[in-house]
Amino acid sequence: MGLLKKYFNQTRKPEGFLGKLMLNGMNPGHAKLADWGLAYLPDMIPEQAVDLGCGGGRNAGELLKRYPAAHVTAVDYSELSVAKAKDFNRDMIAAGRCDVQQGDVSDLRLPEDSFDLATAFETVYFWPGLEKCFGQVARVLRPGGCFLICNESDGTDPTSLKFEKIIDGMKNHTVEEIEAALIAAGLSDIKSYHHPSKPWITVLARK
């Protein structure tokens, strides 16, 4: 595996020196996309929110700012990501408003019916089976809870499809594939949005 391929594979699960380099770019690199997606959240005052596949922790931090009364749990299966997210949100962790933990979205060790909001930014590409993982999200959401998915790829753009061949285990899903998996997982009231000039997508669903 060439060095460039090894570097891009850190997108999936950052590890080692190359993983640290990748993580250093994640927070600023995904900020515009994440903020665009967050703008589609409905008016709500969540008590408990969870950011799945939290990466460097920036988006968990945005949820903490957006919802000043909420507690935010951030989950990632990369030890490096967990450490980075803890450092990024250290003040909120100290204040008791944030918790960062290592976990697998296909087997979430989180209490049932416990979150009003779940978010997933630039991460479902790597989830091992959308229907199974979305079922885990549905399990931990409270009735009426909201699930937001925000992707840089709509599953059809040539650049992202090229990266599928470079990054092991990556799958760029179309809106239709995401919606079908959400419905199969028991979620409903699905809305999707496509950026007017980029292949970015945001999909919202409710339990």
N, C-alpha and C. Protein backbone atom coordinates (compact mmCIF):
# COMPACT_ATOMS: atom_id res chain seq x y z
N MET A 1 0.85 -1.19 0.00
CA MET A 1 0.00 0.00 0.00
C MET A 1 0.88 1.24 0.00
N GLY A 2 0.66 2.15 -0.96
CA GLY A 2 1.44 3.37 -1.02
C GLY A 2 1.13 4.30 0.14
N LEU A 3 2.02 5.25 0.35
CA LEU A 3 1.88 6.17 1.48
C LEU A 3 0.59 6.98 1.37
N LEU A 4 0.25 7.43 0.15
CA LEU A 4 -0.96 8.24 -0.02
C LEU A 4 -2.20 7.42 0.30
N LYS A 5 -2.23 6.18 -0.15
CA LYS A 5 -3.36 5.30 0.15
C LYS A 5 -3.45 5.04 1.65
N LYS A 6 -2.30 4.84 2.30
CA LYS A 6 -2.29 4.63 3.75
C LYS A 6 -2.85 5.85 4.47
N TYR A 7 -2.49 7.03 3.98
CA TYR A 7 -2.98 8.26 4.61
C TYR A 7 -4.49 8.37 4.47
N PHE A 8 -5.02 8.18 3.26
CA PHE A 8 -6.46 8.32 3.07
C PHE A 8 -7.24 7.24 3.81
N ASN A 9 -6.63 6.09 4.02
CA ASN A 9 -7.30 5.05 4.79
C ASN A 9 -7.47 5.43 6.26
N GLN A 10 -6.75 6.44 6.71
CA GLN A 10 -6.91 6.92 8.08
C GLN A 10 -8.27 7.61 8.29
N THR A 11 -8.94 7.94 7.19
CA THR A 11 -10.28 8.52 7.29
C THR A 11 -11.22 7.57 8.02
N ARG A 12 -11.02 6.29 7.79
CA ARG A 12 -11.93 5.28 8.34
C ARG A 12 -11.73 5.08 9.84
N LYS A 13 -10.48 4.92 10.24
CA LYS A 13 -10.17 4.72 11.66
C LYS A 13 -8.76 5.23 11.91
N PRO A 14 -8.64 6.50 12.31
CA PRO A 14 -7.30 7.08 12.49
C PRO A 14 -6.47 6.31 13.52
N GLU A 15 -5.24 5.98 13.11
CA GLU A 15 -4.31 5.27 13.98
C GLU A 15 -2.90 5.74 13.68
N GLY A 16 -2.04 5.75 14.70
CA GLY A 16 -0.63 6.06 14.51
C GLY A 16 -0.38 7.47 14.03
N PHE A 17 0.83 7.68 13.49
CA PHE A 17 1.26 9.01 13.08
C PHE A 17 0.38 9.56 11.96
N LEU A 18 0.09 8.74 10.94
CA LEU A 18 -0.74 9.20 9.84
C LEU A 18 -2.16 9.52 10.32
N GLY A 19 -2.64 8.76 11.28
CA GLY A 19 -3.95 9.03 11.86
C GLY A 19 -4.00 10.38 12.56
N LYS A 20 -2.92 10.72 13.25
CA LYS A 20 -2.86 12.03 13.91
C LYS A 20 -2.88 13.15 12.88
N LEU A 21 -2.16 12.97 11.77
CA LEU A 21 -2.18 13.97 10.71
C LEU A 21 -3.59 14.13 10.14
N MET A 22 -4.26 13.01 9.92
CA MET A 22 -5.62 13.06 9.38
C MET A 22 -6.56 13.78 10.34
N LEU A 23 -6.46 13.45 11.62
CA LEU A 23 -7.34 14.06 12.62
C LEU A 23 -7.12 15.56 12.73
N ASN A 24 -5.88 15.99 12.58
CA ASN A 24 -5.58 17.42 12.66
C ASN A 24 -6.32 18.22 11.59
N GLY A 25 -6.61 17.57 10.47
CA GLY A 25 -7.32 18.26 9.40
C GLY A 25 -8.82 18.08 9.41
N MET A 26 -9.32 17.13 10.21
CA MET A 26 -10.76 16.82 10.18
C MET A 26 -11.62 17.97 10.67
N ASN A 27 -11.29 18.54 11.83
CA ASN A 27 -12.16 19.57 12.39
C ASN A 27 -12.32 20.77 11.45
N PRO A 28 -11.22 21.38 10.99
CA PRO A 28 -11.40 22.50 10.06
C PRO A 28 -11.89 22.05 8.68
N GLY A 29 -11.47 20.87 8.25
CA GLY A 29 -11.83 20.40 6.91
C GLY A 29 -13.30 20.11 6.73
N HIS A 30 -13.98 19.70 7.79
CA HIS A 30 -15.39 19.34 7.70
C HIS A 30 -16.31 20.42 8.25
N ALA A 31 -15.77 21.54 8.70
CA ALA A 31 -16.57 22.55 9.40
C ALA A 31 -17.69 23.12 8.53
N LYS A 32 -17.38 23.52 7.30
CA LYS A 32 -18.39 24.13 6.44
C LYS A 32 -19.52 23.14 6.14
N LEU A 33 -19.15 21.91 5.85
CA LEU A 33 -20.15 20.87 5.59
C LEU A 33 -21.04 20.67 6.81
N ALA A 34 -20.42 20.52 7.98
CA ALA A 34 -21.18 20.26 9.20
C ALA A 34 -22.12 21.41 9.53
N ASP A 35 -21.64 22.64 9.38
CA ASP A 35 -22.48 23.80 9.69
C ASP A 35 -23.65 23.91 8.71
N TRP A 36 -23.40 23.55 7.45
CA TRP A 36 -24.48 23.52 6.47
C TRP A 36 -25.54 22.49 6.89
N GLY A 37 -25.10 21.31 7.31
CA GLY A 37 -26.04 20.29 7.74
C GLY A 37 -26.80 20.66 9.00
N LEU A 38 -26.10 21.25 9.96
CA LEU A 38 -26.73 21.63 11.22
C LEU A 38 -27.85 22.64 11.02
N ALA A 39 -27.76 23.43 9.96
CA ALA A 39 -28.78 24.45 9.71
C ALA A 39 -30.15 23.84 9.42
N TYR A 40 -30.20 22.54 9.08
CA TYR A 40 -31.46 21.90 8.77
C TYR A 40 -32.11 21.24 9.99
N LEU A 41 -31.46 21.30 11.13
CA LEU A 41 -32.08 20.74 12.34
C LEU A 41 -33.35 21.51 12.67
N PRO A 42 -34.40 20.81 13.05
CA PRO A 42 -35.64 21.50 13.44
C PRO A 42 -35.46 22.24 14.76
N ASP A 43 -36.37 23.14 15.04
CA ASP A 43 -36.35 23.80 16.34
C ASP A 43 -36.58 22.76 17.43
N MET A 44 -35.66 22.67 18.33
CA MET A 44 -35.77 21.68 19.40
C MET A 44 -34.87 22.10 20.56
N ILE A 45 -35.17 21.56 21.73
CA ILE A 45 -34.35 21.83 22.91
C ILE A 45 -33.98 20.48 23.52
N PRO A 46 -33.00 19.79 22.93
CA PRO A 46 -32.65 18.46 23.43
C PRO A 46 -31.99 18.51 24.80
N GLU A 47 -32.33 17.53 25.62
CA GLU A 47 -31.64 17.38 26.90
C GLU A 47 -30.38 16.53 26.73
N GLN A 48 -30.47 15.53 25.84
CA GLN A 48 -29.37 14.61 25.60
C GLN A 48 -29.15 14.46 24.10
N ALA A 49 -27.92 14.68 23.66
CA ALA A 49 -27.57 14.50 22.25
C ALA A 49 -26.34 13.60 22.16
N VAL A 50 -26.23 12.88 21.04
CA VAL A 50 -25.07 12.02 20.82
C VAL A 50 -24.55 12.25 19.41
N ASP A 51 -23.24 12.45 19.30
CA ASP A 51 -22.58 12.58 18.00
C ASP A 51 -21.82 11.30 17.73
N LEU A 52 -22.23 10.56 16.71
CA LEU A 52 -21.68 9.24 16.41
C LEU A 52 -20.60 9.36 15.34
N GLY A 53 -19.46 8.72 15.58
CA GLY A 53 -18.32 8.89 14.68
C GLY A 53 -17.79 10.31 14.81
N CYS A 54 -17.49 10.70 16.03
CA CYS A 54 -17.25 12.11 16.36
C CYS A 54 -15.94 12.66 15.83
N GLY A 55 -15.01 11.80 15.37
CA GLY A 55 -13.75 12.31 14.84
C GLY A 55 -13.02 13.18 15.84
N GLY A 56 -12.63 14.38 15.41
CA GLY A 56 -11.87 15.27 16.28
C GLY A 56 -12.68 16.03 17.31
N GLY A 57 -14.00 15.87 17.32
CA GLY A 57 -14.82 16.43 18.38
C GLY A 57 -15.40 17.80 18.12
N ARG A 58 -15.11 18.38 16.96
CA ARG A 58 -15.58 19.73 16.68
C ARG A 58 -17.10 19.81 16.62
N ASN A 59 -17.74 18.82 16.01
CA ASN A 59 -19.19 18.88 15.85
C ASN A 59 -19.93 18.65 17.16
N ALA A 60 -19.35 17.84 18.03
CA ALA A 60 -19.91 17.73 19.39
C ALA A 60 -19.85 19.09 20.07
N GLY A 61 -18.75 19.80 19.85
CA GLY A 61 -18.61 21.13 20.42
C GLY A 61 -19.64 22.10 19.87
N GLU A 62 -19.97 21.97 18.59
CA GLU A 62 -21.00 22.83 17.99
C GLU A 62 -22.37 22.52 18.59
N LEU A 63 -22.64 21.26 18.85
CA LEU A 63 -23.91 20.91 19.50
C LEU A 63 -23.98 21.50 20.90
N LEU A 64 -22.88 21.49 21.61
CA LEU A 64 -22.83 22.07 22.95
C LEU A 64 -23.11 23.57 22.91
N LYS A 65 -22.60 24.24 21.88
CA LYS A 65 -22.85 25.68 21.75
C LYS A 65 -24.28 25.95 21.29
N ARG A 66 -24.76 25.13 20.39
CA ARG A 66 -26.11 25.33 19.84
C ARG A 66 -27.18 25.08 20.89
N TYR A 67 -26.94 24.10 21.77
CA TYR A 67 -27.92 23.72 22.79
C TYR A 67 -27.28 23.84 24.17
N PRO A 68 -27.26 25.05 24.74
CA PRO A 68 -26.52 25.29 25.98
C PRO A 68 -27.04 24.57 27.21
N ALA A 69 -28.23 23.98 27.12
CA ALA A 69 -28.75 23.22 28.26
C ALA A 69 -28.57 21.71 28.07
N ALA A 70 -28.02 21.31 26.94
CA ALA A 70 -27.93 19.88 26.62
C ALA A 70 -26.63 19.26 27.11
N HIS A 71 -26.70 17.96 27.37
CA HIS A 71 -25.51 17.15 27.58
C HIS A 71 -25.22 16.42 26.27
N VAL A 72 -23.98 16.41 25.83
CA VAL A 72 -23.61 15.79 24.56
C VAL A 72 -22.64 14.63 24.82
N THR A 73 -22.98 13.47 24.28
CA THR A 73 -22.10 12.31 24.30
C THR A 73 -21.49 12.17 22.91
N ALA A 74 -20.19 12.01 22.84
CA ALA A 74 -19.49 11.83 21.57
C ALA A 74 -18.89 10.42 21.55
N VAL A 75 -19.08 9.72 20.44
CA VAL A 75 -18.65 8.32 20.33
C VAL A 75 -17.83 8.13 19.06
N ASP A 76 -16.71 7.42 19.19
CA ASP A 76 -15.91 7.04 18.02
C ASP A 76 -15.20 5.73 18.33
N TYR A 77 -14.93 4.93 17.31
CA TYR A 77 -14.25 3.67 17.59
C TYR A 77 -12.74 3.75 17.42
N SER A 78 -12.23 4.93 17.12
CA SER A 78 -10.79 5.16 17.07
C SER A 78 -10.30 5.74 18.39
N GLU A 79 -9.32 5.11 18.99
CA GLU A 79 -8.76 5.63 20.24
C GLU A 79 -8.19 7.03 20.04
N LEU A 80 -7.55 7.26 18.90
CA LEU A 80 -7.00 8.58 18.61
C LEU A 80 -8.09 9.64 18.51
N SER A 81 -9.19 9.29 17.87
CA SER A 81 -10.30 10.23 17.76
C SER A 81 -10.88 10.56 19.12
N VAL A 82 -11.03 9.56 19.96
CA VAL A 82 -11.56 9.78 21.30
C VAL A 82 -10.65 10.74 22.07
N ALA A 83 -9.34 10.52 21.98
CA ALA A 83 -8.39 11.40 22.68
C ALA A 83 -8.46 12.82 22.15
N LYS A 84 -8.55 12.97 20.81
CA LYS A 84 -8.63 14.29 20.20
C LYS A 84 -9.92 15.00 20.60
N ALA A 85 -11.03 14.26 20.57
CA ALA A 85 -12.32 14.85 20.92
C ALA A 85 -12.37 15.25 22.39
N LYS A 86 -11.73 14.46 23.24
CA LYS A 86 -11.67 14.81 24.66
C LYS A 86 -10.88 16.09 24.87
N ASP A 87 -9.78 16.22 24.15
CA ASP A 87 -8.97 17.42 24.28
C ASP A 87 -9.72 18.64 23.75
N PHE A 88 -10.41 18.48 22.62
CA PHE A 88 -11.13 19.59 22.01
C PHE A 88 -12.25 20.09 22.92
N ASN A 89 -12.90 19.16 23.63
CA ASN A 89 -14.05 19.51 24.47
C ASN A 89 -13.73 19.43 25.96
N ARG A 90 -12.47 19.59 26.31
CA ARG A 90 -12.07 19.37 27.70
C ARG A 90 -12.80 20.29 28.69
N ASP A 91 -13.07 21.53 28.30
CA ASP A 91 -13.76 22.45 29.22
C ASP A 91 -15.18 21.99 29.48
N MET A 92 -15.86 21.53 28.45
CA MET A 92 -17.24 21.06 28.60
C MET A 92 -17.29 19.74 29.35
N ILE A 93 -16.26 18.91 29.18
CA ILE A 93 -16.17 17.67 29.95
C ILE A 93 -16.01 18.00 31.42
N ALA A 94 -15.13 18.96 31.72
CA ALA A 94 -14.91 19.37 33.10
C ALA A 94 -16.16 19.97 33.72
N ALA A 95 -16.97 20.62 32.87
CA ALA A 95 -18.20 21.23 33.36
C ALA A 95 -19.34 20.23 33.50
N GLY A 96 -19.10 18.98 33.08
CA GLY A 96 -20.12 17.95 33.21
C GLY A 96 -21.14 17.93 32.09
N ARG A 97 -20.85 18.64 31.00
CA ARG A 97 -21.81 18.73 29.91
C ARG A 97 -21.47 17.81 28.73
N CYS A 98 -20.32 17.18 28.77
CA CYS A 98 -19.89 16.37 27.63
C CYS A 98 -19.20 15.11 28.12
N ASP A 99 -19.41 14.04 27.39
CA ASP A 99 -18.77 12.76 27.66
C ASP A 99 -18.29 12.20 26.32
N VAL A 100 -17.04 11.77 26.26
CA VAL A 100 -16.49 11.19 25.03
C VAL A 100 -16.09 9.75 25.33
N GLN A 101 -16.54 8.83 24.49
CA GLN A 101 -16.26 7.42 24.75
C GLN A 101 -15.98 6.66 23.46
N GLN A 102 -15.23 5.59 23.61
CA GLN A 102 -14.95 4.72 22.48
C GLN A 102 -16.11 3.74 22.32
N GLY A 103 -16.54 3.54 21.09
CA GLY A 103 -17.65 2.63 20.88
C GLY A 103 -17.83 2.28 19.41
N ASP A 104 -18.63 1.26 19.16
CA ASP A 104 -18.90 0.75 17.82
C ASP A 104 -20.38 0.99 17.52
N VAL A 105 -20.65 1.71 16.45
CA VAL A 105 -22.03 2.08 16.14
C VAL A 105 -22.89 0.88 15.80
N SER A 106 -22.28 -0.24 15.45
CA SER A 106 -23.06 -1.44 15.18
C SER A 106 -23.45 -2.17 16.46
N ASP A 107 -22.92 -1.73 17.59
CA ASP A 107 -23.24 -2.33 18.89
C ASP A 107 -23.07 -1.26 19.97
N LEU A 108 -23.93 -0.26 19.94
CA LEU A 108 -23.80 0.88 20.83
C LEU A 108 -24.05 0.48 22.28
N ARG A 109 -23.11 0.81 23.14
CA ARG A 109 -23.27 0.54 24.57
C ARG A 109 -23.85 1.79 25.24
N LEU A 110 -25.00 2.18 24.77
CA LEU A 110 -25.69 3.35 25.29
C LEU A 110 -27.11 2.93 25.69
N PRO A 111 -27.69 3.61 26.67
CA PRO A 111 -29.01 3.21 27.16
C PRO A 111 -30.11 3.42 26.11
N GLU A 112 -31.08 2.54 26.15
CA GLU A 112 -32.22 2.62 25.24
C GLU A 112 -33.06 3.86 25.54
N ASP A 113 -33.63 4.44 24.50
CA ASP A 113 -34.56 5.59 24.64
C ASP A 113 -33.96 6.71 25.49
N SER A 114 -32.72 7.10 25.19
CA SER A 114 -32.04 8.05 26.07
C SER A 114 -31.63 9.36 25.41
N PHE A 115 -31.74 9.48 24.07
CA PHE A 115 -31.26 10.68 23.39
C PHE A 115 -32.38 11.33 22.58
N ASP A 116 -32.42 12.65 22.64
CA ASP A 116 -33.37 13.42 21.85
C ASP A 116 -32.84 13.67 20.44
N LEU A 117 -31.52 13.65 20.30
CA LEU A 117 -30.88 13.97 19.02
C LEU A 117 -29.65 13.10 18.83
N ALA A 118 -29.52 12.54 17.64
CA ALA A 118 -28.29 11.83 17.24
C ALA A 118 -27.80 12.43 15.94
N THR A 119 -26.49 12.61 15.81
CA THR A 119 -25.91 13.16 14.59
C THR A 119 -24.80 12.25 14.08
N ALA A 120 -24.60 12.30 12.78
CA ALA A 120 -23.54 11.50 12.14
C ALA A 120 -23.00 12.30 10.96
N PHE A 121 -21.82 12.88 11.13
CA PHE A 121 -21.21 13.71 10.10
C PHE A 121 -20.06 12.95 9.43
N GLU A 122 -20.13 12.80 8.12
CA GLU A 122 -19.02 12.21 7.35
C GLU A 122 -18.57 10.86 7.93
N THR A 123 -19.52 10.01 8.28
CA THR A 123 -19.14 8.77 8.95
C THR A 123 -19.90 7.54 8.47
N VAL A 124 -21.14 7.69 7.98
CA VAL A 124 -21.92 6.49 7.65
C VAL A 124 -21.31 5.72 6.47
N TYR A 125 -20.37 6.35 5.74
CA TYR A 125 -19.65 5.63 4.68
C TYR A 125 -19.00 4.35 5.21
N PHE A 126 -18.64 4.37 6.48
CA PHE A 126 -17.84 3.29 7.05
C PHE A 126 -18.63 2.41 8.01
N TRP A 127 -19.92 2.66 8.15
CA TRP A 127 -20.73 1.88 9.08
C TRP A 127 -20.98 0.48 8.50
N PRO A 128 -20.78 -0.56 9.28
CA PRO A 128 -20.87 -1.93 8.76
C PRO A 128 -22.32 -2.42 8.65
N GLY A 129 -23.01 -1.95 7.62
CA GLY A 129 -24.41 -2.32 7.42
C GLY A 129 -25.33 -1.22 7.91
N LEU A 130 -25.84 -0.41 6.98
CA LEU A 130 -26.63 0.75 7.39
C LEU A 130 -27.86 0.36 8.21
N GLU A 131 -28.60 -0.64 7.76
CA GLU A 131 -29.84 -0.99 8.46
C GLU A 131 -29.56 -1.41 9.90
N LYS A 132 -28.53 -2.22 10.10
CA LYS A 132 -28.18 -2.66 11.45
C LYS A 132 -27.76 -1.48 12.31
N CYS A 133 -26.90 -0.62 11.77
CA CYS A 133 -26.41 0.51 12.55
C CYS A 133 -27.50 1.54 12.81
N PHE A 134 -28.34 1.79 11.81
CA PHE A 134 -29.46 2.70 12.02
C PHE A 134 -30.43 2.13 13.05
N GLY A 135 -30.52 0.81 13.11
CA GLY A 135 -31.35 0.18 14.15
C GLY A 135 -30.80 0.47 15.54
N GLN A 136 -29.48 0.53 15.66
CA GLN A 136 -28.87 0.89 16.94
C GLN A 136 -29.18 2.35 17.30
N VAL A 137 -29.14 3.21 16.29
CA VAL A 137 -29.49 4.62 16.54
C VAL A 137 -30.94 4.72 16.99
N ALA A 138 -31.83 4.01 16.30
CA ALA A 138 -33.25 4.04 16.67
C ALA A 138 -33.44 3.55 18.10
N ARG A 139 -32.67 2.56 18.49
CA ARG A 139 -32.81 2.00 19.85
C ARG A 139 -32.48 3.03 20.91
N VAL A 140 -31.45 3.84 20.69
CA VAL A 140 -31.01 4.77 21.74
C VAL A 140 -31.75 6.10 21.69
N LEU A 141 -32.47 6.37 20.57
CA LEU A 141 -33.26 7.59 20.50
C LEU A 141 -34.54 7.45 21.31
N ARG A 142 -34.96 8.55 21.92
CA ARG A 142 -36.26 8.60 22.57
C ARG A 142 -37.35 8.70 21.50
N PRO A 143 -38.58 8.28 21.80
CA PRO A 143 -39.67 8.48 20.84
C PRO A 143 -39.77 9.96 20.45
N GLY A 144 -39.82 10.21 19.15
CA GLY A 144 -39.83 11.58 18.65
C GLY A 144 -38.45 12.16 18.44
N GLY A 145 -37.42 11.42 18.84
CA GLY A 145 -36.05 11.88 18.69
C GLY A 145 -35.64 12.02 17.24
N CYS A 146 -34.68 12.89 16.99
CA CYS A 146 -34.25 13.23 15.63
C CYS A 146 -32.86 12.66 15.34
N PHE A 147 -32.68 12.18 14.11
CA PHE A 147 -31.39 11.66 13.65
C PHE A 147 -30.99 12.44 12.41
N LEU A 148 -29.81 13.07 12.47
CA LEU A 148 -29.29 13.85 11.35
C LEU A 148 -28.06 13.17 10.78
N ILE A 149 -28.05 12.98 9.47
CA ILE A 149 -26.91 12.43 8.74
C ILE A 149 -26.43 13.50 7.76
N CYS A 150 -25.15 13.77 7.76
CA CYS A 150 -24.59 14.78 6.85
C CYS A 150 -23.37 14.20 6.16
N ASN A 151 -23.44 14.12 4.83
CA ASN A 151 -22.36 13.54 4.03
C ASN A 151 -21.86 14.51 2.97
N GLU A 152 -20.59 14.43 2.68
CA GLU A 152 -19.99 15.23 1.62
C GLU A 152 -20.33 14.66 0.24
N SER A 153 -20.72 13.39 0.20
CA SER A 153 -21.00 12.72 -1.06
C SER A 153 -22.47 12.30 -1.13
N ASP A 154 -23.07 12.48 -2.31
CA ASP A 154 -24.43 12.02 -2.54
C ASP A 154 -24.47 10.62 -3.13
N GLY A 155 -23.30 9.98 -3.15
CA GLY A 155 -23.23 8.61 -3.64
C GLY A 155 -23.06 8.47 -5.13
N THR A 156 -23.03 9.61 -5.84
CA THR A 156 -22.91 9.55 -7.29
C THR A 156 -21.78 10.40 -7.83
N ASP A 157 -21.20 11.29 -7.02
CA ASP A 157 -20.19 12.20 -7.56
C ASP A 157 -18.88 11.45 -7.84
N PRO A 158 -18.25 11.72 -8.96
CA PRO A 158 -17.07 10.96 -9.40
C PRO A 158 -15.90 11.00 -8.41
N THR A 159 -15.66 12.14 -7.76
CA THR A 159 -14.53 12.23 -6.85
C THR A 159 -14.68 11.27 -5.69
N SER A 160 -15.87 11.25 -5.08
CA SER A 160 -16.08 10.36 -3.94
C SER A 160 -16.06 8.90 -4.36
N LEU A 161 -16.59 8.61 -5.52
CA LEU A 161 -16.57 7.22 -6.00
C LEU A 161 -15.13 6.76 -6.24
N LYS A 162 -14.26 7.69 -6.64
CA LYS A 162 -12.85 7.35 -6.80
C LYS A 162 -12.23 6.97 -5.46
N PHE A 163 -12.64 7.69 -4.40
CA PHE A 163 -12.08 7.40 -3.09
C PHE A 163 -12.56 6.05 -2.55
N GLU A 164 -13.70 5.56 -3.02
CA GLU A 164 -14.15 4.23 -2.64
C GLU A 164 -13.10 3.17 -2.98
N LYS A 165 -12.39 3.40 -4.08
CA LYS A 165 -11.38 2.43 -4.54
C LYS A 165 -10.06 2.58 -3.78
N ILE A 166 -9.91 3.71 -3.07
CA ILE A 166 -8.68 3.98 -2.33
C ILE A 166 -8.81 3.61 -0.85
N ILE A 167 -9.99 3.92 -0.29
CA ILE A 167 -10.20 3.75 1.15
C ILE A 167 -10.93 2.43 1.41
N ASP A 168 -10.30 1.54 2.15
CA ASP A 168 -10.87 0.23 2.43
C ASP A 168 -12.17 0.37 3.23
N GLY A 169 -13.20 -0.36 2.80
CA GLY A 169 -14.45 -0.40 3.55
C GLY A 169 -15.34 0.81 3.37
N MET A 170 -15.02 1.69 2.42
CA MET A 170 -15.82 2.89 2.21
C MET A 170 -16.94 2.63 1.21
N LYS A 171 -18.14 3.14 1.51
CA LYS A 171 -19.28 3.03 0.60
C LYS A 171 -20.03 4.35 0.60
N ASN A 172 -20.08 5.01 -0.55
CA ASN A 172 -20.81 6.26 -0.70
C ASN A 172 -22.27 5.95 -1.01
N HIS A 173 -23.14 6.21 -0.07
CA HIS A 173 -24.55 5.85 -0.21
C HIS A 173 -25.34 6.99 -0.84
N THR A 174 -26.29 6.63 -1.68
CA THR A 174 -27.21 7.61 -2.25
C THR A 174 -28.27 7.96 -1.20
N VAL A 175 -28.96 9.07 -1.43
CA VAL A 175 -30.06 9.45 -0.53
C VAL A 175 -31.09 8.33 -0.47
N GLU A 176 -31.38 7.71 -1.62
CA GLU A 176 -32.37 6.64 -1.66
C GLU A 176 -31.95 5.45 -0.81
N GLU A 177 -30.68 5.11 -0.85
CA GLU A 177 -30.18 3.99 -0.04
C GLU A 177 -30.26 4.32 1.45
N ILE A 178 -29.92 5.55 1.81
CA ILE A 178 -29.99 5.97 3.21
C ILE A 178 -31.43 5.96 3.69
N GLU A 179 -32.33 6.50 2.87
CA GLU A 179 -33.75 6.54 3.27
C GLU A 179 -34.31 5.13 3.45
N ALA A 180 -33.98 4.23 2.55
CA ALA A 180 -34.48 2.86 2.64
C ALA A 180 -33.99 2.18 3.92
N ALA A 181 -32.72 2.41 4.28
CA ALA A 181 -32.17 1.81 5.50
C ALA A 181 -32.80 2.43 6.74
N LEU A 182 -33.09 3.72 6.71
CA LEU A 182 -33.75 4.38 7.84
C LEU A 182 -35.15 3.80 8.06
N ILE A 183 -35.88 3.62 6.98
CA ILE A 183 -37.22 3.06 7.08
C ILE A 183 -37.16 1.63 7.61
N ALA A 184 -36.22 0.85 7.09
CA ALA A 184 -36.07 -0.54 7.54
C ALA A 184 -35.71 -0.62 9.01
N ALA A 185 -35.04 0.42 9.52
CA ALA A 185 -34.64 0.46 10.94
C ALA A 185 -35.76 0.98 11.83
N GLY A 186 -36.89 1.35 11.24
CA GLY A 186 -38.02 1.79 12.03
C GLY A 186 -38.13 3.29 12.21
N LEU A 187 -37.33 4.04 11.46
CA LEU A 187 -37.38 5.49 11.54
C LEU A 187 -38.30 6.04 10.44
N SER A 188 -38.81 7.25 10.64
CA SER A 188 -39.79 7.79 9.70
C SER A 188 -39.66 9.30 9.60
N ASP A 189 -40.66 9.93 8.98
CA ASP A 189 -40.69 11.39 8.79
C ASP A 189 -39.35 11.86 8.19
N ILE A 190 -38.93 11.20 7.12
CA ILE A 190 -37.61 11.42 6.55
C ILE A 190 -37.63 12.62 5.59
N LYS A 191 -36.66 13.48 5.76
CA LYS A 191 -36.48 14.64 4.88
C LYS A 191 -35.03 14.65 4.41
N SER A 192 -34.81 15.02 3.16
CA SER A 192 -33.45 15.08 2.64
C SER A 192 -33.22 16.40 1.92
N TYR A 193 -31.97 16.84 1.95
CA TYR A 193 -31.59 18.12 1.36
C TYR A 193 -30.29 17.94 0.59
N HIS A 194 -30.19 18.58 -0.55
CA HIS A 194 -29.01 18.49 -1.40
C HIS A 194 -28.47 19.89 -1.61
N HIS A 195 -27.18 20.08 -1.39
CA HIS A 195 -26.56 21.39 -1.59
C HIS A 195 -26.74 21.82 -3.05
N PRO A 196 -27.04 23.10 -3.29
CA PRO A 196 -27.31 23.54 -4.67
C PRO A 196 -26.12 23.45 -5.63
N SER A 197 -24.90 23.44 -5.11
CA SER A 197 -23.75 23.43 -6.02
C SER A 197 -22.69 22.37 -5.69
N LYS A 198 -22.93 21.61 -4.63
CA LYS A 198 -21.98 20.57 -4.22
C LYS A 198 -22.73 19.25 -4.04
N PRO A 199 -22.02 18.13 -4.00
CA PRO A 199 -22.70 16.85 -3.80
C PRO A 199 -23.05 16.56 -2.34
N TRP A 200 -23.08 17.58 -1.50
CA TRP A 200 -23.39 17.41 -0.08
C TRP A 200 -24.86 17.05 0.12
N ILE A 201 -25.11 16.19 1.07
CA ILE A 201 -26.48 15.83 1.43
C ILE A 201 -26.67 15.84 2.94
N THR A 202 -27.87 16.18 3.33
CA THR A 202 -28.30 16.06 4.73
C THR A 202 -29.60 15.29 4.73
N VAL A 203 -29.69 14.31 5.61
CA VAL A 203 -30.92 13.50 5.73
C VAL A 203 -31.34 13.53 7.20
N LEU A 204 -32.62 13.81 7.42
CA LEU A 204 -33.19 13.85 8.76
C LEU A 204 -34.26 12.79 8.89
N ALA A 205 -34.33 12.16 10.06
CA ALA A 205 -35.37 11.16 10.32
C ALA A 205 -35.78 11.27 11.79
N ARG A 206 -36.95 10.72 12.09
CA ARG A 206 -37.45 10.71 13.46
C ARG A 206 -37.80 9.29 13.89
N LYS A 207 -37.71 9.08 15.19
CA LYS A 207 -38.14 7.80 15.74
C LYS A 207 -39.64 7.86 16.03
